Amino acid sequence: MRRPVAQFALAGLVVLAVFGAAALLALRSLADDEALRDARQFAVLAGQGIVEPAIEPGLLDGDVAAVDAVDRIVNERVLGERVVRVKLWDTSGRVVYSDEPRLIGSRYPLDPAKREVLRTGATRAELSDLSGPENRFERGQGDLYEVYVPVRAPDGTLLLFETYQRRSEVAATGRRIWLPFAVLLLGSLVLLWLVQVPLAWRLGRRLQRTQEDRAALLERAVEASADERRRIAADLHDGPVQDLAGISYSLSAAAEADGSPATRATLRDAAAGTRAVLRRLRTLLVEIHPPNLRASGLEAALDDLLAPLRARGLETTISIEPDGGLSDADEQLVYRAAAEALRNVERHARATRVEVTFERTDGAVRLEVADDGAGFTGEERERRREQGHLGLSLVEELAEHAGAAVEVRSTPGAGTTFTLTVPRR
C-alpha cells in the first residue's frame, strides 16, 4: 500500500505545486493591474481634486504668488513617500509648475503618450524613462511610474498633471492585495492535499480488502468446483463405469456361448462399443477430476490429457523434466492450464500436431502447449469470450492469483503457443 499511496501523494503534490504557481502568477498579475489602477486613481484625486482647485489665473504667466499657492498645496498634500515629483504641462510642452523650481518654464516636446492623454482625457500610467532631459532631476530616486491626468486652469486652459510615483510603493500596494489571497489559496490547497492522503490510504486499503475478498471467493469457488468434480467423478466411477464394465464382460461372455454367427457377431460389436464408451467415460473422469499428481506423476496426468487427441489422429509429443519443484497447488494449476489449452486445441485449432513441454528455467518452471492449427486473432478471442468461452480467462485469473504468468501467442494460419510460467517457491 505504501508505494501506490506515496505515488498518489507525490502526484497530488506536483499538481498542487503547478496549480499553486499558476494561481499565484494570475493573482500577482491581477494585483499589479489593481495597483496601477490605484496609482491612476491617486493621480486623479491629487490632480483634479487637490491641485486643480488651487490653480490661479497667473500660474500660466509665471506669477510667483500663483506658483507659491500651488507649491504649498503640493508639498502639504501630494508629495510624500509615494510621490517624489509633480509637474504641470501646457499643451505646448512648457512646464508651468514643478516642485523642482529649476524645471519651471522649461519646454520639452510632448511624447505621444502625453498627447493622447490631453486628447482623450483618459488617465495613463507607465514606467518612466529617466534618461530624458526633462527627467534629469528624478534620477537616483529608483524606478518610478509616470501617471498623467488632464486638468484645467480657471480660464478653461487644458493642462497635463503628472506625478512620479515610486515603483516600490506601487508594488507594495499590489502585495497587500494579492498576498492574503495567496496565503488563503495555498493554505486551502495544502489542506486539501493533506486530507486526500488519508482518504487515498483508506480507499487503497478498501480496494486491497476487496481484492483479497475476491481472491478468497475465487479460491473457494475453485475448491467448490474441485469438490463437485470429485463427487461427480466418484458417482460416475462407482455407478455407470462399473455397470458398463459388467455389461461389457457379460456381452463378451455371451458372444462366446452357443448361438448363431450373426448373434455372436452382434454381441461382440456390442461389447466393443461398450468398451469404447467405457474408455471415453474414463477419459472424461480424468478431465473432470485429475488423478493424484503426487501419486501418479505430472507426466502421466498430462499424457492422459493427450489421449483423446491421439485417438483423433493428432501427432502428440510430450517432454517433461523431472523434479519441477512445484507444490501441490502449483501442480494443480499446471494441470488445469494444460487441460484448458489442450481442450482448446481439440475443439478449435484444427491442428495435426501438438507438443507439450514442461521444463525448468531460472527460478521458475514453464509449461508450453504448442500446436500447428488455425490460430486466431485478438478480436476472435474477444468475441469468443463475449460468447461465454471463459476457460482461458479463468486460467489467467488463477495464474495471476498464484503469482504465475500466462502468455498466449497466436497467428492465424500458423498455430498457437500457450505458455504458463510458475515461480519456484
Protein backbone atom coordinates (compact mmCIF):
# COMPACT_ATOMS: atom_id res chain seq x y z
CA MET A 1 0.00 0.00 0.00
CA ARG A 2 2.82 2.44 0.78
CA ARG A 3 4.11 2.68 -2.77
CA PRO A 4 0.81 3.50 -4.58
CA VAL A 5 -0.24 5.90 -1.82
CA ALA A 6 3.18 7.58 -1.98
CA GLN A 7 2.84 7.86 -5.76
CA PHE A 8 -0.63 9.35 -5.35
CA ALA A 9 0.62 11.81 -2.73
CA LEU A 10 3.59 12.82 -4.90
CA ALA A 11 1.37 13.29 -7.94
CA GLY A 12 -1.02 15.39 -5.85
CA LEU A 13 1.89 17.47 -4.58
CA VAL A 14 3.12 18.07 -8.13
CA VAL A 15 -0.37 19.09 -9.28
CA LEU A 16 -0.70 21.32 -6.22
CA ALA A 17 2.64 22.98 -6.96
CA VAL A 18 1.81 23.56 -10.64
CA PHE A 19 -1.69 24.83 -9.91
CA GLY A 20 -0.46 26.95 -6.99
CA ALA A 21 2.28 28.53 -9.10
CA ALA A 22 -0.15 29.29 -11.92
CA ALA A 23 -2.68 30.71 -9.46
CA LEU A 24 -0.02 32.87 -7.79
CA LEU A 25 1.09 34.25 -11.15
CA ALA A 26 -2.51 35.05 -12.05
CA LEU A 27 -3.12 36.65 -8.65
CA ARG A 28 0.05 38.70 -8.89
CA SER A 29 -0.83 39.89 -12.38
CA LEU A 30 -4.31 40.90 -11.22
CA ALA A 31 -2.84 42.61 -8.16
CA ASP A 32 -0.32 44.53 -10.30
CA ASP A 33 -3.16 45.70 -12.55
CA GLU A 34 -5.13 46.74 -9.49
CA ALA A 35 -2.09 48.57 -8.06
CA LEU A 36 -1.66 50.55 -11.30
CA ARG A 37 -5.37 51.32 -11.22
CA ASP A 38 -4.89 52.58 -7.66
CA ALA A 39 -1.96 54.74 -8.85
CA ARG A 40 -4.16 56.26 -11.56
CA GLN A 41 -6.95 56.91 -9.08
CA PHE A 42 -4.48 58.59 -6.71
CA ALA A 43 -3.28 60.81 -9.56
CA VAL A 44 -6.89 61.74 -10.43
CA LEU A 45 -7.59 62.58 -6.79
CA ALA A 46 -4.40 64.62 -6.45
CA GLY A 47 -4.67 66.39 -9.81
CA GLN A 48 -8.35 67.06 -10.18
CA GLY A 49 -9.35 67.08 -6.51
CA ILE A 50 -6.39 68.86 -4.87
CA VAL A 51 -4.21 70.75 -7.37
CA GLU A 52 -6.79 71.88 -9.92
CA PRO A 53 -8.82 73.94 -7.37
CA ALA A 54 -5.57 75.63 -6.27
CA ILE A 55 -4.59 76.82 -9.76
CA GLU A 56 -4.84 80.61 -10.12
CA PRO A 57 -5.01 82.53 -13.45
CA GLY A 58 -1.49 83.90 -13.03
CA LEU A 59 0.12 80.46 -12.96
CA LEU A 60 0.28 80.22 -16.74
CA ASP A 61 2.16 83.57 -16.83
CA GLY A 62 4.64 82.52 -14.13
CA ASP A 63 3.13 84.65 -11.36
CA VAL A 64 5.13 83.97 -8.18
CA ALA A 65 2.12 84.08 -5.88
CA ALA A 66 0.23 81.64 -8.07
CA VAL A 67 3.23 79.29 -8.21
CA ASP A 68 3.65 79.51 -4.43
CA ALA A 69 -0.01 78.71 -3.88
CA VAL A 70 0.21 75.51 -5.95
CA ASP A 71 3.59 74.66 -4.43
CA ARG A 72 2.20 74.91 -0.91
CA ILE A 73 -0.70 72.57 -1.70
CA VAL A 74 1.57 70.08 -3.50
CA ASN A 75 4.10 69.90 -0.66
CA GLU A 76 1.48 69.61 2.02
CA ARG A 77 -0.97 67.18 0.42
CA VAL A 78 0.62 65.39 -2.57
CA LEU A 79 4.34 64.80 -2.09
CA GLY A 80 5.43 62.03 0.27
CA GLU A 81 6.80 58.50 0.34
CA ARG A 82 4.74 57.59 -2.67
CA VAL A 83 5.01 60.70 -4.89
CA VAL A 84 8.51 62.19 -5.44
CA ARG A 85 7.77 64.72 -8.18
CA VAL A 86 4.84 66.74 -9.57
CA LYS A 87 4.73 68.62 -12.90
CA LEU A 88 2.13 70.67 -14.71
CA TRP A 89 2.46 70.99 -18.51
CA ASP A 90 0.64 73.10 -21.01
CA THR A 91 -0.22 71.82 -24.46
CA SER A 92 2.94 73.30 -25.98
CA GLY A 93 5.23 71.24 -23.78
CA ARG A 94 6.12 74.01 -21.32
CA VAL A 95 6.42 73.12 -17.62
CA VAL A 96 4.21 75.72 -15.92
CA TYR A 97 4.78 74.25 -12.44
CA SER A 98 7.01 71.69 -10.71
CA ASP A 99 8.04 71.17 -7.13
CA GLU A 100 11.57 71.32 -8.64
CA PRO A 101 11.79 75.10 -9.40
CA ARG A 102 14.57 74.67 -11.96
CA LEU A 103 12.10 72.95 -14.29
CA ILE A 104 9.53 75.78 -14.31
CA GLY A 105 9.47 77.48 -17.68
CA SER A 106 11.44 74.73 -19.42
CA ARG A 107 9.99 73.47 -22.68
CA TYR A 108 10.24 69.87 -23.93
CA PRO A 109 8.44 68.08 -26.77
CA LEU A 110 5.38 66.20 -25.57
CA ASP A 111 5.67 62.49 -26.33
CA PRO A 112 2.70 60.63 -27.92
CA ALA A 113 1.53 59.26 -24.54
CA LYS A 114 1.10 62.77 -23.09
CA ARG A 115 -0.65 64.00 -26.24
CA GLU A 116 -3.00 61.00 -26.11
CA VAL A 117 -3.99 61.86 -22.53
CA LEU A 118 -4.63 65.50 -23.47
CA ARG A 119 -6.67 64.43 -26.49
CA THR A 120 -8.81 61.74 -24.87
CA GLY A 121 -8.95 62.91 -21.25
CA ALA A 122 -8.00 59.39 -20.08
CA THR A 123 -5.57 58.65 -17.25
CA ARG A 124 -2.35 56.83 -18.12
CA ALA A 125 0.40 55.19 -16.08
CA GLU A 126 3.72 53.92 -17.45
CA LEU A 127 7.21 53.16 -16.21
CA SER A 128 9.31 56.30 -16.52
CA ASP A 129 12.30 56.60 -18.86
CA LEU A 130 14.65 58.64 -16.67
CA SER A 131 17.18 59.14 -19.45
CA GLY A 132 15.18 62.05 -20.92
CA PRO A 133 16.34 65.63 -20.14
CA GLU A 134 13.01 66.51 -18.52
CA ASN A 135 13.63 63.69 -16.01
CA ARG A 136 17.18 64.58 -15.05
CA PHE A 137 16.19 65.68 -11.54
CA GLU A 138 14.35 62.38 -10.86
CA ARG A 139 17.40 60.21 -11.42
CA GLY A 140 18.61 58.47 -8.30
CA GLN A 141 15.05 58.00 -6.98
CA GLY A 142 14.81 54.42 -8.22
CA ASP A 143 12.21 53.14 -10.67
CA LEU A 144 9.26 55.49 -11.00
CA TYR A 145 5.83 55.37 -12.61
CA GLU A 146 4.70 58.45 -14.55
CA VAL A 147 0.96 58.97 -14.15
CA TYR A 148 -0.79 61.61 -16.32
CA VAL A 149 -4.14 63.27 -15.64
CA PRO A 150 -5.71 66.17 -17.61
CA VAL A 151 -6.71 69.22 -15.52
CA ARG A 152 -7.96 72.71 -16.39
CA ALA A 153 -6.97 76.19 -15.33
CA PRO A 154 -9.69 78.65 -14.14
CA ASP A 155 -9.98 80.06 -17.67
CA GLY A 156 -10.54 76.57 -19.15
CA THR A 157 -6.99 76.08 -20.46
CA LEU A 158 -6.14 72.36 -20.70
CA LEU A 159 -3.11 71.31 -18.65
CA LEU A 160 -1.40 67.98 -18.03
CA PHE A 161 -0.89 66.98 -14.40
CA GLU A 162 1.96 64.50 -13.96
CA THR A 163 3.03 62.61 -10.82
CA TYR A 164 6.12 60.43 -10.39
CA GLN A 165 5.21 57.56 -8.05
CA ARG A 166 7.74 55.12 -6.64
CA ARG A 167 7.52 51.69 -8.23
CA SER A 168 8.27 50.09 -4.88
CA GLU A 169 5.21 51.76 -3.33
CA VAL A 170 3.00 50.68 -6.22
CA ALA A 171 4.35 47.13 -5.90
CA ALA A 172 3.74 47.22 -2.14
CA THR A 173 0.11 48.07 -2.86
CA GLY A 174 -0.05 45.05 -5.16
CA ARG A 175 1.47 42.81 -2.48
CA ARG A 176 -1.06 43.98 0.06
CA ILE A 177 -3.74 42.94 -2.40
CA TRP A 178 -2.53 39.51 -3.54
CA LEU A 179 -0.60 38.23 -0.53
CA PRO A 180 -3.63 37.49 1.73
CA PHE A 181 -5.37 35.71 -1.14
CA ALA A 182 -2.18 33.74 -1.90
CA VAL A 183 -1.86 32.60 1.72
CA LEU A 184 -5.52 31.57 1.78
CA LEU A 185 -5.25 29.78 -1.58
CA LEU A 186 -2.04 27.91 -0.75
CA GLY A 187 -3.34 27.01 2.68
CA SER A 188 -6.51 25.60 1.16
CA LEU A 189 -4.56 23.60 -1.41
CA VAL A 190 -2.21 22.17 1.21
CA LEU A 191 -5.17 21.32 3.46
CA LEU A 192 -6.91 19.62 0.53
CA TRP A 193 -3.75 17.64 -0.21
CA LEU A 194 -3.37 16.63 3.44
CA VAL A 195 -6.99 15.47 3.52
CA GLN A 196 -6.60 13.46 0.31
CA VAL A 197 -3.64 11.42 1.55
CA PRO A 198 -5.51 9.59 4.36
CA LEU A 199 -8.52 9.26 2.05
CA ALA A 200 -6.29 7.67 -0.57
CA TRP A 201 -4.88 5.34 2.09
CA ARG A 202 -8.39 4.34 3.16
CA LEU A 203 -9.53 3.81 -0.43
CA GLY A 204 -6.40 1.80 -1.14
CA ARG A 205 -6.97 -0.38 1.91
CA ARG A 206 -10.58 -0.86 0.89
CA LEU A 207 -9.51 -1.81 -2.64
CA GLN A 208 -6.92 -4.18 -1.22
CA ARG A 209 -9.53 -5.83 1.01
CA THR A 210 -11.86 -6.09 -1.99
CA GLN A 211 -9.13 -7.79 -3.99
CA GLU A 212 -8.37 -10.13 -1.09
CA ASP A 213 -12.07 -10.95 -0.73
CA ARG A 214 -12.30 -11.53 -4.47
CA ALA A 215 -9.26 -13.80 -4.36
CA ALA A 216 -10.75 -15.69 -1.42
CA LEU A 217 -14.06 -16.07 -3.28
CA LEU A 218 -12.21 -17.30 -6.35
CA GLU A 219 -10.28 -19.78 -4.24
CA ARG A 220 -13.46 -21.00 -2.58
CA ALA A 221 -15.13 -21.26 -5.99
CA VAL A 222 -12.23 -23.32 -7.30
CA GLU A 223 -12.30 -25.53 -4.21
CA ALA A 224 -16.08 -25.94 -4.53
CA SER A 225 -15.65 -26.80 -8.20
CA ALA A 226 -12.96 -29.34 -7.32
CA ASP A 227 -15.21 -30.89 -4.65
CA GLU A 228 -18.08 -31.09 -7.10
CA ARG A 229 -15.81 -32.63 -9.73
CA ARG A 230 -14.62 -35.22 -7.20
CA ARG A 231 -18.23 -36.07 -6.29
CA ILE A 232 -19.31 -36.39 -9.93
CA ALA A 233 -16.22 -38.46 -10.77
CA ALA A 234 -16.85 -40.77 -7.81
CA ASP A 235 -20.50 -41.19 -8.76
CA LEU A 236 -19.57 -41.97 -12.37
CA HIS A 237 -16.80 -44.35 -11.34
CA ASP A 238 -18.87 -46.25 -8.79
CA GLY A 239 -22.02 -46.27 -10.89
CA PRO A 240 -22.13 -46.09 -14.70
CA VAL A 241 -18.47 -47.07 -15.20
CA GLN A 242 -18.82 -50.22 -13.11
CA ASP A 243 -22.16 -51.03 -14.72
CA LEU A 244 -20.71 -50.62 -18.22
CA ALA A 245 -17.72 -52.77 -17.29
CA GLY A 246 -20.09 -55.50 -16.13
CA ILE A 247 -22.19 -55.21 -19.27
CA SER A 248 -19.04 -55.44 -21.40
CA TYR A 249 -17.94 -58.64 -19.65
CA SER A 250 -21.44 -60.11 -19.97
CA LEU A 251 -21.64 -59.31 -23.66
CA SER A 252 -18.18 -60.79 -24.27
CA ALA A 253 -19.16 -63.98 -22.42
CA ALA A 254 -22.45 -64.21 -24.29
CA ALA A 255 -20.63 -63.82 -27.62
CA GLU A 256 -18.61 -66.96 -26.81
CA ALA A 257 -21.68 -69.04 -25.98
CA ASP A 258 -23.61 -71.13 -28.43
CA GLY A 259 -25.67 -69.21 -30.90
CA SER A 260 -25.89 -68.25 -34.48
CA PRO A 261 -22.89 -66.48 -36.06
CA ALA A 262 -24.98 -63.37 -36.57
CA THR A 263 -25.92 -63.25 -32.90
CA ARG A 264 -22.32 -63.75 -31.75
CA ALA A 265 -21.14 -61.00 -34.16
CA THR A 266 -23.79 -58.63 -32.83
CA LEU A 267 -22.80 -59.39 -29.23
CA ARG A 268 -19.09 -58.87 -30.00
CA ASP A 269 -19.91 -55.49 -31.65
CA ALA A 270 -22.00 -54.53 -28.66
CA ALA A 271 -19.16 -55.48 -26.29
CA ALA A 272 -16.66 -53.49 -28.33
CA GLY A 273 -19.00 -50.47 -28.38
CA THR A 274 -19.49 -50.74 -24.64
CA ARG A 275 -15.72 -50.83 -24.07
CA ALA A 276 -15.33 -47.75 -26.33
CA VAL A 277 -17.94 -45.89 -24.30
CA LEU A 278 -16.15 -47.04 -21.14
CA ARG A 279 -12.83 -45.64 -22.40
CA ARG A 280 -14.48 -42.31 -23.21
CA LEU A 281 -16.04 -42.19 -19.76
CA ARG A 282 -12.68 -42.89 -18.12
CA THR A 283 -11.10 -40.14 -20.22
CA LEU A 284 -13.90 -37.84 -19.09
CA LEU A 285 -13.24 -38.83 -15.48
CA VAL A 286 -9.61 -37.76 -15.88
CA GLU A 287 -10.75 -34.40 -17.26
CA ILE A 288 -13.37 -33.89 -14.56
CA HIS A 289 -11.08 -34.79 -11.70
CA PRO A 290 -7.35 -35.22 -12.29
CA PRO A 291 -5.57 -38.07 -10.58
CA ASN A 292 -3.42 -37.53 -7.53
CA LEU A 293 -0.49 -35.83 -9.23
CA ARG A 294 1.90 -36.68 -6.41
CA ALA A 295 0.98 -40.37 -6.68
CA SER A 296 0.90 -40.88 -10.44
CA GLY A 297 3.14 -38.04 -11.54
CA LEU A 298 2.59 -34.97 -13.68
CA GLU A 299 3.82 -36.69 -16.84
CA ALA A 300 1.22 -39.46 -16.55
CA ALA A 301 -1.54 -36.93 -15.87
CA LEU A 302 -0.55 -34.80 -18.86
CA ASP A 303 -0.22 -37.89 -21.02
CA ASP A 304 -3.80 -38.82 -20.09
CA LEU A 305 -4.88 -35.38 -21.35
CA LEU A 306 -3.23 -36.10 -24.69
CA ALA A 307 -5.04 -39.45 -25.10
CA PRO A 308 -8.21 -38.01 -26.71
CA LEU A 309 -6.10 -36.07 -29.20
CA ARG A 310 -4.13 -39.15 -30.13
CA ALA A 311 -7.40 -41.03 -30.57
CA ARG A 312 -8.44 -38.39 -33.11
CA GLY A 313 -5.24 -38.94 -35.10
CA LEU A 314 -3.17 -35.96 -33.95
CA GLU A 315 0.57 -36.33 -33.62
CA THR A 316 1.43 -35.67 -29.97
CA THR A 317 4.76 -35.07 -28.26
CA ILE A 318 5.34 -34.65 -24.52
CA SER A 319 8.60 -33.63 -22.84
CA ILE A 320 8.79 -33.22 -19.06
CA GLU A 321 11.83 -32.58 -16.89
CA PRO A 322 11.65 -34.36 -13.54
CA ASP A 323 11.82 -32.55 -10.19
CA GLY A 324 9.91 -29.46 -11.17
CA GLY A 325 9.95 -28.23 -7.58
CA LEU A 326 6.23 -27.37 -7.50
CA SER A 327 3.77 -27.52 -4.64
CA ASP A 328 0.54 -29.49 -4.89
CA ALA A 329 -1.40 -26.28 -5.63
CA ASP A 330 1.03 -25.26 -8.38
CA GLU A 331 0.89 -28.73 -9.94
CA GLN A 332 -2.90 -28.48 -9.94
CA LEU A 333 -2.57 -25.10 -11.68
CA VAL A 334 -0.23 -26.59 -14.30
CA TYR A 335 -2.65 -29.45 -14.87
CA ARG A 336 -5.64 -27.11 -15.18
CA ALA A 337 -3.77 -24.85 -17.60
CA ALA A 338 -2.66 -27.80 -19.75
CA ALA A 339 -6.19 -29.23 -19.74
CA GLU A 340 -7.68 -25.92 -20.90
CA ALA A 341 -5.02 -25.42 -23.58
CA LEU A 342 -5.45 -28.97 -24.94
CA ARG A 343 -9.24 -28.66 -24.78
CA ASN A 344 -8.98 -25.57 -26.99
CA VAL A 345 -6.71 -27.45 -29.39
CA GLU A 346 -9.25 -30.28 -29.61
CA ARG A 347 -12.27 -28.01 -30.11
CA HIS A 348 -10.99 -25.07 -32.14
CA ALA A 349 -7.47 -25.47 -33.52
CA ARG A 350 -7.97 -27.95 -36.40
CA ALA A 351 -4.36 -28.97 -35.78
CA THR A 352 -2.41 -32.01 -36.93
CA ARG A 353 0.33 -31.82 -34.29
CA VAL A 354 0.52 -30.71 -30.66
CA GLU A 355 3.57 -30.56 -28.40
CA VAL A 356 3.57 -30.30 -24.60
CA THR A 357 6.79 -29.19 -22.88
CA PHE A 358 7.38 -28.82 -19.16
CA GLU A 359 10.82 -27.57 -18.16
CA ARG A 360 12.75 -25.69 -15.51
CA THR A 361 14.06 -22.19 -16.08
CA ASP A 362 15.88 -19.73 -13.83
CA GLY A 363 13.78 -19.59 -10.68
CA ALA A 364 10.63 -20.90 -12.37
CA VAL A 365 9.07 -23.78 -14.28
CA ARG A 366 7.43 -23.37 -17.66
CA LEU A 367 4.60 -25.25 -19.33
CA GLU A 368 4.23 -24.79 -23.09
CA VAL A 369 1.48 -26.20 -25.29
CA ALA A 370 2.10 -25.55 -28.99
CA ASP A 371 0.00 -26.61 -31.97
CA ASP A 372 0.11 -26.09 -35.74
CA GLY A 373 -3.58 -25.28 -36.05
CA ALA A 374 -5.59 -22.42 -37.49
CA GLY A 375 -4.66 -19.89 -34.80
CA PHE A 376 -6.79 -16.85 -34.01
CA THR A 377 -6.70 -13.06 -33.72
CA GLY A 378 -7.24 -10.95 -30.65
CA GLU A 379 -10.65 -9.93 -31.98
CA GLU A 380 -11.67 -13.58 -32.37
CA ARG A 381 -10.61 -14.34 -28.80
CA GLU A 382 -12.57 -11.36 -27.50
CA ARG A 383 -15.62 -12.49 -29.47
CA ARG A 384 -15.39 -16.00 -28.00
CA ARG A 385 -15.09 -14.51 -24.53
CA GLU A 386 -18.27 -12.45 -25.11
CA GLN A 387 -19.99 -15.66 -26.26
CA GLY A 388 -19.20 -17.26 -22.89
CA HIS A 389 -15.94 -19.13 -23.58
CA LEU A 390 -14.19 -18.10 -20.36
CA GLY A 391 -11.91 -21.09 -19.74
CA LEU A 392 -8.70 -19.36 -20.78
CA SER A 393 -9.63 -16.18 -18.90
CA LEU A 394 -10.25 -18.19 -15.72
CA VAL A 395 -6.86 -19.88 -16.09
CA GLU A 396 -5.23 -16.45 -16.46
CA GLU A 397 -7.02 -15.25 -13.33
CA LEU A 398 -5.98 -18.33 -11.35
CA ALA A 399 -2.39 -17.90 -12.54
CA GLU A 400 -2.35 -14.24 -11.51
CA HIS A 401 -3.68 -15.16 -8.07
CA ALA A 402 -0.89 -17.75 -7.72
CA GLY A 403 1.81 -15.29 -8.84
CA ALA A 404 2.24 -17.07 -12.18
CA ALA A 405 2.08 -15.63 -15.69
CA VAL A 406 0.17 -16.75 -18.78
CA GLU A 407 1.13 -15.81 -22.32
CA VAL A 408 -0.83 -16.75 -25.45
CA ARG A 409 0.78 -16.18 -28.83
CA SER A 410 -1.30 -16.98 -31.90
CA THR A 411 -1.07 -16.15 -35.58
CA PRO A 412 -3.89 -17.01 -37.99
CA GLY A 413 -2.78 -19.97 -40.08
CA ALA A 414 0.41 -20.54 -38.05
CA GLY A 415 -0.87 -22.13 -34.85
CA THR A 416 -0.99 -21.14 -31.19
CA THR A 417 1.50 -21.34 -28.33
CA PHE A 418 0.23 -21.28 -24.74
CA THR A 419 2.84 -20.66 -22.04
CA LEU A 420 2.44 -20.80 -18.26
CA THR A 421 5.38 -19.68 -16.09
CA VAL A 422 5.18 -20.58 -12.39
CA PRO A 423 7.81 -19.30 -9.94
CA ARG A 424 9.51 -21.94 -7.83
CA ARG A 425 8.66 -21.33 -4.17
